[in-house]
Amino acid sequence: MARTQRYRARRRQGTRCIIIDVSEGDVAALVARSYLSEEASRNPSAIKAAIEGLMSDVVFELETERSTRSHKKRITAPRRDA
C-alpha cells in the first residue's frame, strides 16, 4: 500500500524513481565539486541528495542557456519593414 502511494505521489510530481550504479569515482567527483561532503560519502541518502542537486544545477544551466539563445535570436532577427 505504501509503495503504491509513493508511486502515485511521484507521478503527481512528475518524477520517476530509478536505480543507478554509482562508482567511487562518481562519489569522489561529487565531493570534489562540493555536492557532497567527505563525511557523507558513504551515506546513500546523502549521495542521492547530491545527485539530485547536480541534476538540478545541470537542468537550470540548460534552461538558462536555451532562454539566452532564444532571446538573442529575437534581438538579432532582422526586421521586415516592407
PDB file of N, CA and C in Angstrom:
ATOM      1  N   MET A   1       0.816  -1.199   0.000  1.00  0.00           N
ATOM      2  CA  MET A   1       0.000   0.000   0.000  1.00  0.00           C
ATOM      3  C   MET A   1       0.862   1.268   0.000  1.00  0.00           C
ATOM      4  N   ALA A   2       1.884   1.297   0.860  1.00  0.00           N
ATOM      5  CA  ALA A   2       2.749   2.474   0.946  1.00  0.00           C
ATOM      6  C   ALA A   2       3.520   2.667  -0.360  1.00  0.00           C
ATOM      7  N   ARG A   3       3.927   1.576  -0.984  1.00  0.00           N
ATOM      8  CA  ARG A   3       4.661   1.674  -2.248  1.00  0.00           C
ATOM      9  C   ARG A   3       3.793   2.297  -3.331  1.00  0.00           C
ATOM     10  N   THR A   4       2.526   1.927  -3.375  1.00  0.00           N
ATOM     11  CA  THR A   4       1.591   2.491  -4.339  1.00  0.00           C
ATOM     12  C   THR A   4       1.400   3.983  -4.084  1.00  0.00           C
ATOM     13  N   GLN A   5       1.312   4.358  -2.842  1.00  0.00           N
ATOM     14  CA  GLN A   5       1.143   5.774  -2.502  1.00  0.00           C
ATOM     15  C   GLN A   5       2.362   6.590  -2.930  1.00  0.00           C
ATOM     16  N   ARG A   6       3.565   6.041  -2.711  1.00  0.00           N
ATOM     17  CA  ARG A   6       4.773   6.744  -3.142  1.00  0.00           C
ATOM     18  C   ARG A   6       4.801   6.869  -4.661  1.00  0.00           C
ATOM     19  N   TYR A   7       4.406   5.794  -5.356  1.00  0.00           N
ATOM     20  CA  TYR A   7       4.363   5.824  -6.816  1.00  0.00           C
ATOM     21  C   TYR A   7       3.403   6.907  -7.300  1.00  0.00           C
ATOM     22  N   ARG A   8       2.224   6.971  -6.717  1.00  0.00           N
ATOM     23  CA  ARG A   8       1.231   7.973  -7.133  1.00  0.00           C
ATOM     24  C   ARG A   8       1.691   9.389  -6.813  1.00  0.00           C
ATOM     25  N   ALA A   9       2.349   9.555  -5.681  1.00  0.00           N
ATOM     26  CA  ALA A   9       2.867  10.885  -5.327  1.00  0.00           C
ATOM     27  C   ALA A   9       3.928  11.326  -6.329  1.00  0.00           C
ATOM     28  N   ARG A  10       4.833  10.399  -6.704  1.00  0.00           N
ATOM     29  CA  ARG A  10       5.847  10.746  -7.711  1.00  0.00           C
ATOM     30  C   ARG A  10       5.196  11.084  -9.039  1.00  0.00           C
ATOM     31  N   ARG A  11       4.193  10.329  -9.414  1.00  0.00           N
ATOM     32  CA  ARG A  11       3.509  10.583 -10.691  1.00  0.00           C
ATOM     33  C   ARG A  11       2.871  11.969 -10.679  1.00  0.00           C
ATOM     34  N   ARG A  12       2.258  12.360  -9.573  1.00  0.00           N
ATOM     35  CA  ARG A  12       1.665  13.703  -9.460  1.00  0.00           C
ATOM     36  C   ARG A  12       2.732  14.785  -9.563  1.00  0.00           C
ATOM     37  N   GLN A  13       3.912  14.513  -9.014  1.00  0.00           N
ATOM     38  CA  GLN A  13       5.006  15.490  -9.039  1.00  0.00           C
ATOM     39  C   GLN A  13       5.752  15.482 -10.367  1.00  0.00           C
ATOM     40  N   GLY A  14       5.481  14.504 -11.195  1.00  0.00           N
ATOM     41  CA  GLY A  14       6.171  14.407 -12.477  1.00  0.00           C
ATOM     42  C   GLY A  14       7.581  13.862 -12.347  1.00  0.00           C
ATOM     43  N   THR A  15       7.833  13.067 -11.323  1.00  0.00           N
ATOM     44  CA  THR A  15       9.156  12.486 -11.119  1.00  0.00           C
ATOM     45  C   THR A  15       9.107  10.976 -11.294  1.00  0.00           C
ATOM     46  N   ARG A  16      10.284  10.381 -11.421  1.00  0.00           N
ATOM     47  CA  ARG A  16      10.416   8.928 -11.555  1.00  0.00           C
ATOM     48  C   ARG A  16      11.413   8.419 -10.532  1.00  0.00           C
ATOM     49  N   CYS A  17      11.282   7.185 -10.167  1.00  0.00           N
ATOM     50  CA  CYS A  17      12.231   6.528  -9.290  1.00  0.00           C
ATOM     51  C   CYS A  17      13.054   5.568 -10.144  1.00  0.00           C
ATOM     52  N   ILE A  18      14.378   5.747 -10.135  1.00  0.00           N
ATOM     53  CA  ILE A  18      15.251   4.872 -10.913  1.00  0.00           C
ATOM     54  C   ILE A  18      16.399   4.394 -10.031  1.00  0.00           C
ATOM     55  N   ILE A  19      17.036   3.337 -10.449  1.00  0.00           N
ATOM     56  CA  ILE A  19      18.211   2.824  -9.754  1.00  0.00           C
ATOM     57  C   ILE A  19      19.400   3.026 -10.675  1.00  0.00           C
ATOM     58  N   ILE A  20      20.470   3.608 -10.138  1.00  0.00           N
ATOM     59  CA  ILE A  20      21.682   3.807 -10.931  1.00  0.00           C
ATOM     60  C   ILE A  20      22.879   3.247 -10.163  1.00  0.00           C
ATOM     61  N   ASP A  21      23.890   2.841 -10.909  1.00  0.00           N
ATOM     62  CA  ASP A  21      25.151   2.415 -10.307  1.00  0.00           C
ATOM     63  C   ASP A  21      26.049   3.633 -10.181  1.00  0.00           C
ATOM     64  N   VAL A  22      26.617   3.817  -9.002  1.00  0.00           N
ATOM     65  CA  VAL A  22      27.490   4.953  -8.737  1.00  0.00           C
ATOM     66  C   VAL A  22      28.856   4.399  -8.317  1.00  0.00           C
ATOM     67  N   SER A  23      29.872   4.764  -9.046  1.00  0.00           N
ATOM     68  CA  SER A  23      31.223   4.285  -8.732  1.00  0.00           C
ATOM     69  C   SER A  23      31.865   5.171  -7.661  1.00  0.00           C
ATOM     70  N   GLU A  24      32.976   4.698  -7.129  1.00  0.00           N
ATOM     71  CA  GLU A  24      33.728   5.513  -6.171  1.00  0.00           C
ATOM     72  C   GLU A  24      34.218   6.795  -6.838  1.00  0.00           C
ATOM     73  N   GLY A  25      34.540   6.704  -8.128  1.00  0.00           N
ATOM     74  CA  GLY A  25      34.963   7.892  -8.870  1.00  0.00           C
ATOM     75  C   GLY A  25      33.846   8.917  -8.979  1.00  0.00           C
ATOM     76  N   ASP A  26      32.614   8.426  -9.173  1.00  0.00           N
ATOM     77  CA  ASP A  26      31.452   9.322  -9.227  1.00  0.00           C
ATOM     78  C   ASP A  26      31.270  10.039  -7.897  1.00  0.00           C
ATOM     79  N   VAL A  27      31.395   9.286  -6.802  1.00  0.00           N
ATOM     80  CA  VAL A  27      31.257   9.871  -5.465  1.00  0.00           C
ATOM     81  C   VAL A  27      32.380  10.887  -5.228  1.00  0.00           C
ATOM     82  N   ALA A  28      33.601  10.533  -5.643  1.00  0.00           N
ATOM     83  CA  ALA A  28      34.723  11.462  -5.479  1.00  0.00           C
ATOM     84  C   ALA A  28      34.481  12.750  -6.267  1.00  0.00           C
ATOM     85  N   ALA A  29      33.893  12.637  -7.450  1.00  0.00           N
ATOM     86  CA  ALA A  29      33.594  13.834  -8.246  1.00  0.00           C
ATOM     87  C   ALA A  29      32.545  14.694  -7.552  1.00  0.00           C
ATOM     88  N   LEU A  30      31.547  14.075  -6.939  1.00  0.00           N
ATOM     89  CA  LEU A  30      30.533  14.836  -6.196  1.00  0.00           C
ATOM     90  C   LEU A  30      31.169  15.569  -5.024  1.00  0.00           C
ATOM     91  N   VAL A  31      32.128  14.919  -4.359  1.00  0.00           N
ATOM     92  CA  VAL A  31      32.842  15.563  -3.246  1.00  0.00           C
ATOM     93  C   VAL A  31      33.699  16.708  -3.784  1.00  0.00           C
ATOM     94  N   ALA A  32      34.432  16.455  -4.869  1.00  0.00           N
ATOM     95  CA  ALA A  32      35.322  17.476  -5.437  1.00  0.00           C
ATOM     96  C   ALA A  32      34.554  18.712  -5.891  1.00  0.00           C
ATOM     97  N   ARG A  33      33.322  18.517  -6.333  1.00  0.00           N
ATOM     98  CA  ARG A  33      32.512  19.647  -6.805  1.00  0.00           C
ATOM     99  C   ARG A  33      31.595  20.208  -5.718  1.00  0.00           C
ATOM    100  N   SER A  34      31.814  19.771  -4.493  1.00  0.00           N
ATOM    101  CA  SER A  34      31.094  20.270  -3.304  1.00  0.00           C
ATOM    102  C   SER A  34      29.602  19.959  -3.302  1.00  0.00           C
ATOM    103  N   TYR A  35      29.187  18.937  -4.006  1.00  0.00           N
ATOM    104  CA  TYR A  35      27.810  18.492  -3.916  1.00  0.00           C
ATOM    105  C   TYR A  35      27.629  17.537  -2.736  1.00  0.00           C
ATOM    106  N   LEU A  36      28.733  17.018  -2.228  1.00  0.00           N
ATOM    107  CA  LEU A  36      28.712  16.010  -1.173  1.00  0.00           C
ATOM    108  C   LEU A  36      29.926  16.219  -0.280  1.00  0.00           C
ATOM    109  N   SER A  37      29.713  16.123   1.023  1.00  0.00           N
ATOM    110  CA  SER A  37      30.856  16.243   1.933  1.00  0.00           C
ATOM    111  C   SER A  37      31.568  14.889   2.020  1.00  0.00           C
ATOM    112  N   GLU A  38      32.832  14.940   2.351  1.00  0.00           N
ATOM    113  CA  GLU A  38      33.623  13.711   2.511  1.00  0.00           C
ATOM    114  C   GLU A  38      33.009  12.804   3.577  1.00  0.00           C
ATOM    115  N   GLU A  39      32.518  13.406   4.655  1.00  0.00           N
ATOM    116  CA  GLU A  39      31.930  12.633   5.753  1.00  0.00           C
ATOM    117  C   GLU A  39      30.664  11.892   5.316  1.00  0.00           C
ATOM    118  N   ALA A  40      29.937  12.468   4.376  1.00  0.00           N
ATOM    119  CA  ALA A  40      28.665  11.878   3.937  1.00  0.00           C
ATOM    120  C   ALA A  40      28.827  10.956   2.735  1.00  0.00           C
ATOM    121  N   SER A  41      30.066  10.741   2.300  1.00  0.00           N
ATOM    122  CA  SER A  41      30.283   9.996   1.058  1.00  0.00           C
ATOM    123  C   SER A  41      29.940   8.511   1.147  1.00  0.00           C
ATOM    124  N   ARG A  42      29.641   7.998   2.311  1.00  0.00           N
ATOM    125  CA  ARG A  42      29.220   6.597   2.481  1.00  0.00           C
ATOM    126  C   ARG A  42      27.721   6.482   2.773  1.00  0.00           C
ATOM    127  N   ASN A  43      27.043   7.620   2.824  1.00  0.00           N
ATOM    128  CA  ASN A  43      25.627   7.653   3.171  1.00  0.00           C
ATOM    129  C   ASN A  43      24.788   7.668   1.882  1.00  0.00           C
ATOM    130  N   PRO A  44      24.046   6.593   1.603  1.00  0.00           N
ATOM    131  CA  PRO A  44      23.257   6.535   0.369  1.00  0.00           C
ATOM    132  C   PRO A  44      22.258   7.691   0.215  1.00  0.00           C
ATOM    133  N   SER A  45      21.653   8.118   1.298  1.00  0.00           N
ATOM    134  CA  SER A  45      20.695   9.236   1.222  1.00  0.00           C
ATOM    135  C   SER A  45      21.401  10.538   0.851  1.00  0.00           C
ATOM    136  N   ALA A  46      22.597  10.727   1.376  1.00  0.00           N
ATOM    137  CA  ALA A  46      23.364  11.928   1.059  1.00  0.00           C
ATOM    138  C   ALA A  46      23.826  11.897  -0.396  1.00  0.00           C
ATOM    139  N   ILE A  47      24.224  10.724  -0.875  1.00  0.00           N
ATOM    140  CA  ILE A  47      24.635  10.590  -2.276  1.00  0.00           C
ATOM    141  C   ILE A  47      23.450  10.883  -3.189  1.00  0.00           C
ATOM    142  N   LYS A  48      22.275  10.365  -2.826  1.00  0.00           N
ATOM    143  CA  LYS A  48      21.058  10.636  -3.605  1.00  0.00           C
ATOM    144  C   LYS A  48      20.794  12.134  -3.668  1.00  0.00           C
ATOM    145  N   ALA A  49      20.877  12.807  -2.529  1.00  0.00           N
ATOM    146  CA  ALA A  49      20.632  14.252  -2.487  1.00  0.00           C
ATOM    147  C   ALA A  49      21.670  15.008  -3.322  1.00  0.00           C
ATOM    148  N   ALA A  50      22.922  14.554  -3.299  1.00  0.00           N
ATOM    149  CA  ALA A  50      23.972  15.204  -4.080  1.00  0.00           C
ATOM    150  C   ALA A  50      23.709  15.053  -5.573  1.00  0.00           C
ATOM    151  N   ILE A  51      23.297  13.862  -5.984  1.00  0.00           N
ATOM    152  CA  ILE A  51      22.985  13.635  -7.394  1.00  0.00           C
ATOM    153  C   ILE A  51      21.790  14.484  -7.815  1.00  0.00           C
ATOM    154  N   GLU A  52      20.775  14.575  -6.958  1.00  0.00           N
ATOM    155  CA  GLU A  52      19.621  15.422  -7.262  1.00  0.00           C
ATOM    156  C   GLU A  52      20.047  16.885  -7.403  1.00  0.00           C
ATOM    157  N   GLY A  53      20.944  17.348  -6.539  1.00  0.00           N
ATOM    158  CA  GLY A  53      21.441  18.723  -6.630  1.00  0.00           C
ATOM    159  C   GLY A  53      22.202  18.965  -7.915  1.00  0.00           C
ATOM    160  N   LEU A  54      23.046  18.005  -8.283  1.00  0.00           N
ATOM    161  CA  LEU A  54      23.795  18.108  -9.534  1.00  0.00           C
ATOM    162  C   LEU A  54      22.847  18.168 -10.725  1.00  0.00           C
ATOM    163  N   MET A  55      21.873  17.279 -10.762  1.00  0.00           N
ATOM    164  CA  MET A  55      20.915  17.256 -11.870  1.00  0.00           C
ATOM    165  C   MET A  55      20.123  18.561 -11.934  1.00  0.00           C
ATOM    166  N   SER A  56      19.736  19.071 -10.796  1.00  0.00           N
ATOM    167  CA  SER A  56      19.000  20.333 -10.756  1.00  0.00           C
ATOM    168  C   SER A  56      19.844  21.467 -11.335  1.00  0.00           C
ATOM    169  N   ASP A  57      21.122  21.504 -10.965  1.00  0.00           N
ATOM    170  CA  ASP A  57      22.008  22.545 -11.492  1.00  0.00           C
ATOM    171  C   ASP A  57      22.192  22.416 -12.999  1.00  0.00           C
ATOM    172  N   VAL A  58      22.335  21.187 -13.491  1.00  0.00           N
ATOM    173  CA  VAL A  58      22.507  20.971 -14.925  1.00  0.00           C
ATOM    174  C   VAL A  58      21.261  21.415 -15.682  1.00  0.00           C
ATOM    175  N   VAL A  59      20.095  21.043 -15.186  1.00  0.00           N
ATOM    176  CA  VAL A  59      18.848  21.434 -15.840  1.00  0.00           C
ATOM    177  C   VAL A  59      18.706  22.954 -15.835  1.00  0.00           C
ATOM    178  N   PHE A  60      19.032  23.602 -14.716  1.00  0.00           N
ATOM    179  CA  PHE A  60      18.956  25.056 -14.639  1.00  0.00           C
ATOM    180  C   PHE A  60      19.885  25.704 -15.668  1.00  0.00           C
ATOM    181  N   GLU A  61      21.125  25.197 -15.768  1.00  0.00           N
ATOM    182  CA  GLU A  61      22.069  25.738 -16.749  1.00  0.00           C
ATOM    183  C   GLU A  61      21.550  25.572 -18.173  1.00  0.00           C
ATOM    184  N   LEU A  62      21.003  24.411 -18.480  1.00  0.00           N
ATOM    185  CA  LEU A  62      20.479  24.172 -19.828  1.00  0.00           C
ATOM    186  C   LEU A  62      19.305  25.089 -20.141  1.00  0.00           C
ATOM    187  N   GLU A  63      18.401  25.262 -19.175  1.00  0.00           N
ATOM    188  CA  GLU A  63      17.251  26.142 -19.395  1.00  0.00           C
ATOM    189  C   GLU A  63      17.696  27.591 -19.558  1.00  0.00           C
ATOM    190  N   THR A  64      18.673  28.005 -18.769  1.00  0.00           N
ATOM    191  CA  THR A  64      19.198  29.363 -18.877  1.00  0.00           C
ATOM    192  C   THR A  64      19.853  29.572 -20.234  1.00  0.00           C
ATOM    193  N   GLU A  65      20.644  28.598 -20.648  1.00  0.00           N
ATOM    194  CA  GLU A  65      21.308  28.662 -21.950  1.00  0.00           C
ATOM    195  C   GLU A  65      20.284  28.734 -23.082  1.00  0.00           C
ATOM    196  N   ARG A  66      19.258  27.919 -22.985  1.00  0.00           N
ATOM    197  CA  ARG A  66      18.218  27.891 -24.019  1.00  0.00           C
ATOM    198  C   ARG A  66      17.475  29.218 -24.078  1.00  0.00           C
ATOM    199  N   SER A  67      17.136  29.788 -22.931  1.00  0.00           N
ATOM    200  CA  SER A  67      16.402  31.059 -22.946  1.00  0.00           C
ATOM    201  C   SER A  67      17.290  32.197 -23.432  1.00  0.00           C
ATOM    202  N   THR A  68      18.576  32.147 -23.120  1.00  0.00           N
ATOM    203  CA  THR A  68      19.507  33.170 -23.596  1.00  0.00           C
ATOM    204  C   THR A  68      19.630  33.108 -25.111  1.00  0.00           C
ATOM    205  N   ARG A  69      19.737  31.894 -25.651  1.00  0.00           N
ATOM    206  CA  ARG A  69      19.840  31.739 -27.106  1.00  0.00           C
ATOM    207  C   ARG A  69      18.577  32.226 -27.800  1.00  0.00           C
ATOM    208  N   SER A  70      17.410  31.880 -27.282  1.00  0.00           N
ATOM    209  CA  SER A  70      16.172  32.303 -27.946  1.00  0.00           C
ATOM    210  C   SER A  70      15.991  33.811 -27.817  1.00  0.00           C
ATOM    211  N   HIS A  71      16.441  34.395 -26.704  1.00  0.00           N
ATOM    212  CA  HIS A  71      16.354  35.845 -26.525  1.00  0.00           C
ATOM    213  C   HIS A  71      17.275  36.547 -27.515  1.00  0.00           C
ATOM    214  N   LYS A  72      18.484  36.022 -27.709  1.00  0.00           N
ATOM    215  CA  LYS A  72      19.414  36.617 -28.665  1.00  0.00           C
ATOM    216  C   LYS A  72      18.867  36.531 -30.074  1.00  0.00           C
ATOM    217  N   LYS A  73      18.207  35.438 -30.396  1.00  0.00           N
ATOM    218  CA  LYS A  73      17.629  35.289 -31.733  1.00  0.00           C
ATOM    219  C   LYS A  73      16.575  36.357 -31.975  1.00  0.00           C
ATOM    220  N   ARG A  74      15.766  36.624 -30.957  1.00  0.00           N
ATOM    221  CA  ARG A  74      14.718  37.637 -31.114  1.00  0.00           C
ATOM    222  C   ARG A  74      15.332  39.023 -31.291  1.00  0.00           C
ATOM    223  N   ILE A  75      16.396  39.305 -30.564  1.00  0.00           N
ATOM    224  CA  ILE A  75      17.015  40.626 -30.628  1.00  0.00           C
ATOM    225  C   ILE A  75      17.717  40.837 -31.972  1.00  0.00           C
ATOM    226  N   THR A  76      18.404  39.824 -32.457  1.00  0.00           N
ATOM    227  CA  THR A  76      19.212  39.985 -33.654  1.00  0.00           C
ATOM    228  C   THR A  76      18.449  39.658 -34.941  1.00  0.00           C
ATOM    229  N   ALA A  77      17.218  39.236 -34.838  1.00  0.00           N
ATOM    230  CA  ALA A  77      16.467  38.902 -36.054  1.00  0.00           C
ATOM    231  C   ALA A  77      16.207  40.174 -36.857  1.00  0.00           C
ATOM    232  N   PRO A  78      16.393  40.106 -38.169  1.00  0.00           N
ATOM    233  CA  PRO A  78      16.176  41.305 -38.992  1.00  0.00           C
ATOM    234  C   PRO A  78      14.695  41.703 -39.006  1.00  0.00           C
ATOM    235  N   ARG A  79      14.460  42.986 -39.085  1.00  0.00           N
ATOM    236  CA  ARG A  79      13.086  43.494 -39.114  1.00  0.00           C
ATOM    237  C   ARG A  79      12.574  43.424 -40.545  1.00  0.00           C
ATOM    238  N   ARG A  80      11.339  43.154 -40.669  1.00  0.00           N
ATOM    239  CA  ARG A  80      10.712  43.078 -42.001  1.00  0.00           C
ATOM    240  C   ARG A  80       9.819  44.290 -42.205  1.00  0.00           C
ATOM    241  N   ASP A  81      10.427  45.352 -42.664  1.00  0.00           N
ATOM    242  CA  ASP A  81       9.667  46.577 -42.974  1.00  0.00           C
ATOM    243  C   ASP A  81       9.554  46.690 -44.487  1.00  0.00           C
ATOM    244  N   ALA A  82       8.442  46.244 -45.022  1.00  0.00           N
ATOM    245  CA  ALA A  82       8.305  46.302 -46.475  1.00  0.00           C
ATOM    246  C   ALA A  82       6.995  46.878 -46.884  1.00  0.00           C
TER     247      ALA A  82
END
